[in-house]
Amino acid sequence: MKKLIWVAIALLYLVVPFFLKDNSYILSLTVSSLIVAGVAVPWALLGNLGGMVSFGHAAFFGMGAYASALLTMKAGFPVLLAIPAGGVVASIASLAMLPALRLSGPYFALAILAYAHIFKILATEFTSLTGGSAGISSIPGLPSLVQADFLTGLGPYLLGLTIVLLFCVVYAWVRKSHYGIALRAMHDSEDATRVVGVNSVLLKSWMLLLSAFMTGIIGAFNAHIINFLEPDYAFNSSWSVLPIVAAIFGGYRTITGPMVGAIVIYLVDQLFFKAVLSSGHQIVLGIVLAAMILFAPDGLLTVFKKRNTGGQHA
């Protein structure tokens, strides 16, 4: 399986750019799918390791986007420095959500959703800073680096792919670390892990901060691609819902499943479902997801793993 992953990475970096460099439309859709993947991976990290299902990752996405845009426009930050700074701001904003860690299950999910709505209202009301509902335009684009023009479609694709793969590496590292072992043990019995000295609240807090940081980075990256922001877009519920669909479809308990799910779901939806049903294509997406949950609840990658191992896994 590891060999297949390395082959897939090589194809993504070498073969895909060669075939798509002259097709700006498909390339832009691929970049958009990577942005969805960039939210799906930290969502899966929080849900799988942290045991916290979030309906409010749009809050982190929007905060990172606005922070990076404003840092470049008002403070003169270089774009490539403002993007990680956007992640830091999103992580700081997530501190306001720490009281919600006392909740669990649907109560936590709904609490995070409420926070996302609050951040959207703040972005709308602080017109002197964010431009309010009118938004802000002329956000600086990505710079040219290493002889690659990041103002064209190919540059954002390569940078976006690198960001998402780094997220996967972080996800894998955390899962294999002793923190990940403790977090997985908490899923079986949080009380038992507390007895042996594991600070479950602290671990959950770190997972929330890390997930927010990663999501803020991809939100900032997106802001410098579209060069425009307004609250309804930056904090749109689709930034919470679509990554969940992608992560579940690909397999949120696997490292690369959320990324694969995001690319497949988004491209299939935009290229095929939308072509058949221009106004109701998301209904088809919902049917596909429902079928996936019923017949392959562990996700797309798990299905392939079972086939490659001859169905030995239950």
Protein backbone atom coordinates (compact mmCIF):
# COMPACT_ATOMS: atom_id res chain seq x y z
CA MET A 1 0.00 0.00 0.00
CA LYS A 2 2.88 2.37 0.80
CA LYS A 3 4.31 1.82 -2.68
CA LEU A 4 0.97 2.74 -4.21
CA ILE A 5 0.92 5.95 -2.16
CA TRP A 6 4.37 6.96 -3.40
CA VAL A 7 3.36 6.18 -6.98
CA ALA A 8 0.21 8.27 -6.55
CA ILE A 9 2.23 11.20 -5.16
CA ALA A 10 4.64 11.01 -8.09
CA LEU A 11 1.71 11.02 -10.51
CA LEU A 12 0.16 14.03 -8.78
CA TYR A 13 3.37 16.03 -9.01
CA LEU A 14 4.67 14.94 -12.41
CA VAL A 15 1.90 13.57 -14.59
CA VAL A 16 -1.16 15.62 -13.60
CA PRO A 17 0.52 19.01 -14.24
CA PHE A 18 1.68 17.81 -17.67
CA PHE A 19 -1.86 16.92 -18.78
CA LEU A 20 -3.66 19.82 -17.14
CA LYS A 21 -1.29 22.73 -17.71
CA ASP A 22 -3.20 23.81 -20.83
CA ASN A 23 -6.68 23.16 -19.42
CA SER A 24 -7.27 26.02 -17.00
CA TYR A 25 -10.84 24.97 -16.18
CA ILE A 26 -10.02 21.42 -15.06
CA LEU A 27 -6.92 22.69 -13.29
CA SER A 28 -8.94 25.26 -11.35
CA LEU A 29 -11.42 22.55 -10.33
CA THR A 30 -8.53 20.39 -9.16
CA VAL A 31 -7.17 23.26 -7.07
CA SER A 32 -10.64 23.71 -5.57
CA SER A 33 -10.78 20.00 -4.74
CA LEU A 34 -7.42 20.33 -2.96
CA ILE A 35 -8.82 23.20 -0.90
CA VAL A 36 -11.71 20.96 0.17
CA ALA A 37 -9.13 18.27 0.96
CA GLY A 38 -7.23 20.81 3.04
CA VAL A 39 -10.26 21.12 5.30
CA ALA A 40 -11.19 17.43 5.18
CA VAL A 41 -7.82 16.24 6.56
CA PRO A 42 -7.85 18.41 9.73
CA TRP A 43 -11.55 17.62 10.19
CA ALA A 44 -10.69 13.90 10.10
CA LEU A 45 -7.80 14.48 12.50
CA LEU A 46 -10.15 16.10 15.01
CA GLY A 47 -12.91 13.53 14.48
CA ASN A 48 -10.80 10.38 14.35
CA LEU A 49 -8.11 11.15 16.93
CA GLY A 50 -9.84 13.77 19.02
CA GLY A 51 -13.18 12.00 18.92
CA MET A 52 -14.91 15.32 18.23
CA VAL A 53 -17.26 15.69 15.26
CA SER A 54 -17.28 19.31 14.14
CA PHE A 55 -19.89 21.12 12.07
CA GLY A 56 -18.04 24.42 12.35
CA HIS A 57 -14.74 24.19 10.49
CA ALA A 58 -15.98 27.06 8.34
CA ALA A 59 -15.10 29.26 11.35
CA PHE A 60 -11.41 28.34 11.11
CA PHE A 61 -11.44 28.55 7.32
CA GLY A 62 -12.92 32.05 7.37
CA MET A 63 -10.72 33.33 10.18
CA GLY A 64 -7.58 32.16 8.42
CA ALA A 65 -8.72 33.69 5.15
CA TYR A 66 -9.53 37.08 6.63
CA ALA A 67 -6.42 37.17 8.81
CA SER A 68 -4.06 36.46 5.93
CA ALA A 69 -5.81 38.89 3.59
CA LEU A 70 -5.76 41.72 6.14
CA LEU A 71 -2.16 41.07 7.16
CA THR A 72 -1.02 41.45 3.55
CA MET A 73 -3.22 44.45 2.77
CA LYS A 74 -2.99 46.45 6.00
CA ALA A 75 0.27 45.29 7.62
CA GLY A 76 2.35 44.62 4.51
CA PHE A 77 3.04 40.96 5.30
CA PRO A 78 4.50 38.86 2.46
CA VAL A 79 1.87 36.42 1.22
CA LEU A 80 3.85 33.29 2.06
CA LEU A 81 4.30 34.57 5.63
CA ALA A 82 0.69 35.70 5.98
CA ILE A 83 -0.68 32.24 5.06
CA PRO A 84 0.77 30.42 8.11
CA ALA A 85 -0.04 33.51 10.19
CA GLY A 86 -3.65 33.00 9.14
CA GLY A 87 -3.41 29.52 10.58
CA VAL A 88 -2.10 30.93 13.85
CA VAL A 89 -4.99 33.41 14.05
CA ALA A 90 -7.50 30.61 13.39
CA SER A 91 -5.86 28.56 16.13
CA ILE A 92 -6.08 31.51 18.54
CA ALA A 93 -9.75 31.99 17.60
CA SER A 94 -10.39 28.35 18.47
CA LEU A 95 -9.45 29.12 22.08
CA ALA A 96 -12.92 30.63 22.41
CA MET A 97 -14.30 27.15 21.69
CA LEU A 98 -12.44 25.39 24.49
CA PRO A 99 -15.44 25.53 26.86
CA ALA A 100 -17.31 23.39 24.30
CA LEU A 101 -14.88 20.53 25.02
CA ARG A 102 -16.98 19.77 28.08
CA LEU A 103 -19.67 18.67 25.66
CA SER A 104 -19.65 15.52 23.55
CA GLY A 105 -21.35 14.02 20.54
CA PRO A 106 -24.00 16.13 18.81
CA TYR A 107 -23.86 18.77 21.55
CA PHE A 108 -20.22 19.56 20.75
CA ALA A 109 -20.95 19.56 17.02
CA LEU A 110 -23.81 22.03 17.43
CA ALA A 111 -21.77 24.24 19.77
CA ILE A 112 -18.97 24.53 17.20
CA LEU A 113 -21.58 25.32 14.54
CA ALA A 114 -22.84 28.16 16.73
CA TYR A 115 -19.30 29.54 17.08
CA ALA A 116 -18.93 29.54 13.28
CA HIS A 117 -22.09 31.61 13.00
CA ILE A 118 -20.78 34.04 15.63
CA PHE A 119 -17.54 34.57 13.72
CA LYS A 120 -19.53 35.20 10.56
CA ILE A 121 -21.58 37.87 12.34
CA LEU A 122 -18.40 39.52 13.67
CA ALA A 123 -16.90 39.63 10.17
CA THR A 124 -20.10 41.24 8.91
CA GLU A 125 -20.35 43.83 11.68
CA PHE A 126 -16.71 44.98 11.83
CA THR A 127 -17.01 46.93 8.59
CA SER A 128 -14.00 49.15 9.30
CA LEU A 129 -11.74 46.11 9.31
CA THR A 130 -13.40 43.51 7.10
CA GLY A 131 -15.52 45.65 4.81
CA GLY A 132 -18.66 44.06 6.23
CA SER A 133 -21.09 42.35 3.88
CA ALA A 134 -19.47 44.15 0.93
CA GLY A 135 -16.27 42.25 1.60
CA ILE A 136 -12.71 43.09 0.60
CA SER A 137 -11.23 42.88 -2.87
CA SER A 138 -7.82 43.13 -4.53
CA ILE A 139 -6.27 40.67 -2.08
CA PRO A 140 -2.64 40.08 -3.13
CA GLY A 141 -2.15 36.89 -5.11
CA LEU A 142 0.45 34.19 -4.65
CA PRO A 143 4.01 35.22 -5.67
CA SER A 144 6.30 33.69 -8.29
CA LEU A 145 8.79 31.27 -6.77
CA VAL A 146 11.41 28.90 -8.08
CA GLN A 147 10.64 29.86 -11.69
CA ALA A 148 7.04 28.69 -11.23
CA ASP A 149 4.40 31.29 -11.97
CA PHE A 150 2.07 31.10 -8.96
CA LEU A 151 -0.28 33.55 -10.63
CA THR A 152 -1.33 30.85 -13.09
CA GLY A 153 -3.20 27.64 -12.38
CA LEU A 154 -0.18 25.36 -12.17
CA GLY A 155 1.48 27.20 -9.28
CA PRO A 156 -1.56 27.08 -6.95
CA TYR A 157 -2.02 23.40 -7.81
CA LEU A 158 1.54 22.49 -6.79
CA LEU A 159 1.46 24.63 -3.65
CA GLY A 160 -2.01 23.41 -2.66
CA LEU A 161 -0.97 19.78 -3.21
CA THR A 162 2.12 20.30 -1.04
CA ILE A 163 0.07 21.87 1.76
CA VAL A 164 -2.45 19.02 1.80
CA LEU A 165 0.26 16.35 1.74
CA LEU A 166 2.00 18.08 4.65
CA PHE A 167 -1.32 17.94 6.51
CA CYS A 168 -1.41 14.19 5.85
CA VAL A 169 2.14 13.85 7.20
CA VAL A 170 1.16 15.71 10.37
CA TYR A 171 -1.93 13.53 10.71
CA ALA A 172 0.19 10.38 10.37
CA TRP A 173 2.79 11.64 12.85
CA VAL A 174 0.20 12.52 15.49
CA ARG A 175 -1.57 9.19 15.06
CA LYS A 176 1.67 7.21 15.53
CA SER A 177 2.89 9.32 18.46
CA HIS A 178 2.13 8.51 22.10
CA TYR A 179 -0.41 11.33 21.96
CA GLY A 180 -2.27 9.47 19.22
CA ILE A 181 -2.14 6.25 21.20
CA ALA A 182 -3.61 8.02 24.22
CA LEU A 183 -6.31 9.65 22.11
CA ARG A 184 -7.36 6.33 20.60
CA ALA A 185 -7.43 4.79 24.06
CA MET A 186 -9.77 7.60 25.14
CA HIS A 187 -12.27 6.45 22.53
CA ASP A 188 -12.70 3.15 24.41
CA SER A 189 -12.87 4.67 27.87
CA GLU A 190 -12.03 8.26 28.69
CA ASP A 191 -12.44 7.60 32.41
CA ALA A 192 -9.94 4.74 32.29
CA THR A 193 -7.31 6.87 30.57
CA ARG A 194 -7.77 9.57 33.20
CA VAL A 195 -7.10 6.99 35.91
CA VAL A 196 -3.69 6.22 34.41
CA GLY A 197 -2.79 9.91 34.29
CA VAL A 198 -3.84 10.99 30.79
CA ASN A 199 -5.11 14.58 30.67
CA SER A 200 -7.95 14.07 28.21
CA VAL A 201 -9.05 17.71 28.21
CA LEU A 202 -5.53 18.91 27.38
CA LEU A 203 -5.15 16.39 24.55
CA LYS A 204 -8.51 17.35 23.07
CA SER A 205 -7.54 21.02 23.32
CA TRP A 206 -4.33 20.40 21.38
CA MET A 207 -6.25 18.52 18.69
CA LEU A 208 -8.71 21.41 18.36
CA LEU A 209 -5.88 23.96 18.12
CA LEU A 210 -3.99 21.88 15.55
CA SER A 211 -7.08 21.24 13.44
CA ALA A 212 -7.95 24.95 13.51
CA PHE A 213 -4.38 25.90 12.55
CA MET A 214 -4.37 23.60 9.53
CA THR A 215 -7.82 24.72 8.40
CA GLY A 216 -6.83 28.38 8.79
CA ILE A 217 -3.83 27.81 6.53
CA ILE A 218 -5.94 26.39 3.71
CA GLY A 219 -8.47 29.20 4.16
CA ALA A 220 -5.66 31.75 3.82
CA PHE A 221 -4.32 29.94 0.76
CA ASN A 222 -7.75 30.11 -0.85
CA ALA A 223 -8.08 33.84 -0.11
CA HIS A 224 -4.93 34.59 -2.11
CA ILE A 225 -6.24 32.57 -5.05
CA ILE A 226 -9.68 34.12 -5.39
CA ASN A 227 -8.44 37.62 -4.33
CA PHE A 228 -11.80 38.48 -2.77
CA LEU A 229 -13.57 37.76 0.51
CA GLU A 230 -16.96 38.42 2.00
CA PRO A 231 -18.52 36.82 5.12
CA ASP A 232 -21.13 34.71 3.33
CA TYR A 233 -18.38 33.07 1.29
CA ALA A 234 -15.59 32.82 3.87
CA PHE A 235 -17.83 31.34 6.57
CA ASN A 236 -20.17 29.45 4.25
CA SER A 237 -21.51 26.20 5.67
CA SER A 238 -20.18 24.37 2.62
CA TRP A 239 -16.69 24.68 4.14
CA SER A 240 -17.99 22.56 6.99
CA VAL A 241 -20.28 20.15 5.16
CA LEU A 242 -18.38 19.25 1.97
CA PRO A 243 -15.16 18.28 3.79
CA ILE A 244 -17.21 16.00 6.06
CA VAL A 245 -18.74 14.31 3.02
CA ALA A 246 -15.29 13.98 1.44
CA ALA A 247 -13.65 12.59 4.58
CA ILE A 248 -16.38 10.01 5.16
CA PHE A 249 -16.42 9.01 1.49
CA GLY A 250 -12.64 8.53 1.32
CA GLY A 251 -12.32 7.05 4.82
CA TYR A 252 -11.69 9.49 7.63
CA ARG A 253 -9.95 6.82 9.73
CA THR A 254 -7.20 6.56 7.11
CA ILE A 255 -4.44 9.10 6.50
CA THR A 256 -4.99 9.81 2.82
CA GLY A 257 -8.69 8.89 2.68
CA PRO A 258 -9.97 12.45 3.27
CA MET A 259 -7.71 13.80 0.54
CA VAL A 260 -8.72 11.11 -1.98
CA GLY A 261 -12.37 11.51 -1.06
CA ALA A 262 -12.24 15.28 -1.55
CA ILE A 263 -10.62 15.07 -4.98
CA VAL A 264 -12.96 12.32 -6.20
CA ILE A 265 -16.18 13.75 -4.74
CA TYR A 266 -15.55 17.34 -5.84
CA LEU A 267 -14.42 16.54 -9.39
CA VAL A 268 -17.18 13.99 -9.99
CA ASP A 269 -19.76 16.43 -8.62
CA GLN A 270 -18.56 19.35 -10.75
CA LEU A 271 -17.82 17.46 -13.96
CA PHE A 272 -20.66 14.92 -14.02
CA PHE A 273 -23.43 15.46 -11.47
CA LYS A 274 -23.58 19.20 -12.14
CA ALA A 275 -23.69 18.59 -15.89
CA VAL A 276 -26.72 16.32 -15.49
CA LEU A 277 -28.53 18.32 -12.80
CA SER A 278 -27.32 21.91 -12.79
CA SER A 279 -29.54 22.99 -9.89
CA GLY A 280 -29.93 19.76 -7.93
CA HIS A 281 -26.61 18.03 -8.40
CA GLN A 282 -25.94 17.93 -4.64
CA ILE A 283 -28.91 15.59 -4.26
CA VAL A 284 -27.02 12.98 -6.27
CA LEU A 285 -23.99 13.63 -4.08
CA GLY A 286 -26.13 12.94 -1.01
CA ILE A 287 -27.41 9.68 -2.51
CA VAL A 288 -23.84 8.55 -3.26
CA LEU A 289 -22.77 9.36 0.29
CA ALA A 290 -25.76 7.50 1.76
CA ALA A 291 -24.92 4.44 -0.36
CA MET A 292 -21.29 4.68 0.74
CA ILE A 293 -22.25 4.77 4.41
CA LEU A 294 -24.57 1.77 3.99
CA PHE A 295 -22.30 -0.48 1.91
CA ALA A 296 -18.79 0.74 2.75
CA PRO A 297 -18.94 2.73 6.01
CA ASP A 298 -15.14 2.71 6.41
CA GLY A 299 -14.64 4.63 3.17
CA LEU A 300 -13.33 4.22 -0.34
CA LEU A 301 -9.69 3.49 0.53
CA THR A 302 -10.68 0.75 2.94
CA VAL A 303 -12.54 -1.00 0.11
CA PHE A 304 -9.40 -0.96 -2.02
CA LYS A 305 -7.28 -2.20 0.88
CA LYS A 306 -9.60 -5.15 1.41
CA ARG A 307 -9.44 -6.04 -2.28
CA ASN A 308 -5.65 -5.80 -2.33
CA THR A 309 -5.40 -8.11 0.69
CA GLY A 310 -7.87 -10.60 -0.75
CA GLY A 311 -10.63 -9.64 1.68
CA GLN A 312 -8.72 -10.83 4.71
CA HIS A 313 -9.80 -7.88 6.82
CA ALA A 314 -13.24 -7.91 8.35
